[in-house]
């Protein structure tokens, strides 16, 4: 079992910045990807950014150029630097981890989420 704990959410004015952190602990052995998702009230959960074990990153079009995902492999941490925040970035942000078990079998884990609120 892997436990994910997010931190860094809060209330910020439009144009401001926040840095989210996610700490992974437990039975970690072969992380394939760590990702940030978000879910706004009344909306489906959507992928915001991801980083693979190779270091390759991907971003939702809505956050490209404003958000940066990074990872500290030595600490099993993933971060999301969010700049130029907009009211539409308001959501609960979730950390998501995918790790390999054996062969093509993978496990997925979710954090409890951290609220980000951007005021106009």
Protein backbone atom coordinates (compact mmCIF):
# COMPACT_ATOMS: atom_id res chain seq x y z
CA UNK A 1 0.00 0.00 0.00
CA UNK A 2 1.17 3.51 -0.84
CA UNK A 3 0.06 6.57 1.10
CA UNK A 4 -0.02 9.99 -0.59
CA UNK A 5 -0.29 13.25 1.30
CA UNK A 6 -0.79 16.55 -0.51
CA UNK A 7 -0.06 19.97 0.94
CA UNK A 8 0.29 23.55 -0.19
CA UNK A 9 -3.24 24.40 -1.19
CA UNK A 10 -4.98 27.54 -0.08
CA UNK A 11 -6.59 30.79 -1.09
CA UNK A 12 -4.77 33.08 -3.50
CA UNK A 13 -5.70 36.06 -5.63
CA UNK A 14 -5.76 35.80 -9.39
CA UNK A 15 -2.27 36.18 -10.80
CA UNK A 16 -0.71 34.69 -7.70
CA UNK A 17 1.25 31.49 -7.20
CA UNK A 18 1.05 28.34 -5.13
CA UNK A 19 3.26 25.30 -4.85
CA UNK A 20 1.65 21.96 -4.15
CA UNK A 21 3.60 19.08 -2.69
CA UNK A 22 2.81 15.39 -2.55
CA UNK A 23 4.70 12.98 -0.33
CA UNK A 24 4.55 9.27 -1.09
CA UNK A 25 5.29 6.65 1.53
CA UNK A 26 4.72 2.96 2.09
CA UNK A 27 5.41 0.07 -0.26
CA UNK A 28 7.05 2.00 -3.08
CA UNK A 29 9.19 0.04 -5.49
CA UNK A 30 8.72 0.97 -9.14
CA UNK A 31 7.02 4.28 -9.75
CA UNK A 32 5.99 4.69 -13.38
CA UNK A 33 4.34 8.08 -13.10
CA UNK A 34 3.25 10.71 -10.63
CA UNK A 35 0.49 13.05 -11.64
CA UNK A 36 -1.69 15.89 -10.47
CA UNK A 37 -5.40 15.85 -11.17
CA UNK A 38 -8.01 18.39 -10.21
CA UNK A 39 -11.74 18.37 -9.77
CA UNK A 40 -13.80 21.53 -9.69
CA UNK A 41 -17.26 21.54 -8.17
CA UNK A 42 -19.69 19.89 -10.57
CA UNK A 43 -16.95 18.82 -12.96
CA UNK A 44 -15.19 15.56 -13.67
CA UNK A 45 -11.68 14.97 -12.40
CA UNK A 46 -9.11 16.00 -15.01
CA UNK A 47 -5.42 15.47 -15.50
CA UNK A 48 -3.41 18.62 -14.89
CA UNK A 49 0.18 17.44 -15.20
CA UNK A 50 2.21 14.27 -15.06
CA UNK A 51 5.82 13.20 -14.84
CA UNK A 52 7.05 9.76 -15.79
CA UNK A 53 9.98 7.81 -14.41
CA UNK A 54 11.94 8.92 -17.47
CA UNK A 55 11.40 12.54 -16.54
CA UNK A 56 9.02 13.16 -19.40
CA UNK A 57 6.28 15.62 -18.48
CA UNK A 58 2.87 16.39 -19.88
CA UNK A 59 0.39 19.14 -19.17
CA UNK A 60 -3.21 19.98 -19.81
CA UNK A 61 -3.50 22.69 -22.45
CA UNK A 62 -5.19 24.97 -19.93
CA UNK A 63 -2.12 25.08 -17.69
CA UNK A 64 0.75 24.95 -20.18
CA UNK A 65 3.21 27.76 -19.59
CA UNK A 66 1.81 28.46 -16.12
CA UNK A 67 2.26 25.21 -14.18
CA UNK A 68 5.41 23.14 -13.74
CA UNK A 69 5.56 19.62 -12.38
CA UNK A 70 8.75 18.30 -10.83
CA UNK A 71 9.82 15.34 -8.79
CA UNK A 72 12.41 14.49 -6.14
CA UNK A 73 13.09 10.80 -6.58
CA UNK A 74 15.22 10.61 -3.44
CA UNK A 75 12.31 11.76 -1.31
CA UNK A 76 9.42 10.26 -3.32
CA UNK A 77 7.97 13.73 -3.65
CA UNK A 78 6.20 15.42 -6.53
CA UNK A 79 5.53 19.13 -6.78
CA UNK A 80 3.29 21.37 -8.81
CA UNK A 81 4.37 24.98 -9.15
CA UNK A 82 1.35 27.01 -10.18
CA UNK A 83 1.90 30.54 -11.44
CA UNK A 84 -0.43 33.13 -12.95
CA UNK A 85 -3.36 31.44 -11.28
CA UNK A 86 -6.84 32.08 -12.59
CA UNK A 87 -10.24 31.71 -10.92
CA UNK A 88 -10.91 28.74 -13.22
CA UNK A 89 -8.00 26.92 -11.58
CA UNK A 90 -10.10 26.66 -8.43
CA UNK A 91 -10.51 22.98 -7.59
CA UNK A 92 -9.47 20.19 -5.32
CA UNK A 93 -6.07 18.97 -6.49
CA UNK A 94 -5.22 15.30 -6.15
CA UNK A 95 -1.91 13.51 -6.30
CA UNK A 96 -1.92 10.25 -8.26
CA UNK A 97 0.79 7.60 -8.37
CA UNK A 98 1.14 4.67 -10.74
CA UNK A 99 3.64 1.97 -10.00
CA UNK A 100 4.55 -1.29 -11.65
CA UNK A 101 3.94 -4.53 -9.78
CA UNK A 102 4.99 -7.31 -12.14
CA UNK A 103 5.00 -7.41 -15.90
CA UNK A 104 2.33 -5.06 -17.16
CA UNK A 105 0.36 -5.06 -13.92
CA UNK A 106 0.21 -1.68 -12.21
CA UNK A 107 -1.20 -0.19 -9.03
CA UNK A 108 -2.72 3.25 -8.68
CA UNK A 109 -3.02 5.35 -5.57
CA UNK A 110 -4.69 8.67 -4.80
CA UNK A 111 -4.14 11.30 -2.18
CA UNK A 112 -6.94 12.88 -0.19
CA UNK A 113 -6.77 16.15 -2.12
CA UNK A 114 -5.93 19.75 -1.30
CA UNK A 115 -8.19 22.69 -2.02
CA UNK A 116 -6.96 25.50 -4.23
CA UNK A 117 -9.15 28.59 -4.42
CA UNK A 118 -8.31 31.50 -6.69
CA UNK A 119 -10.24 34.70 -6.10
CA UNK A 120 -10.85 37.26 -8.83
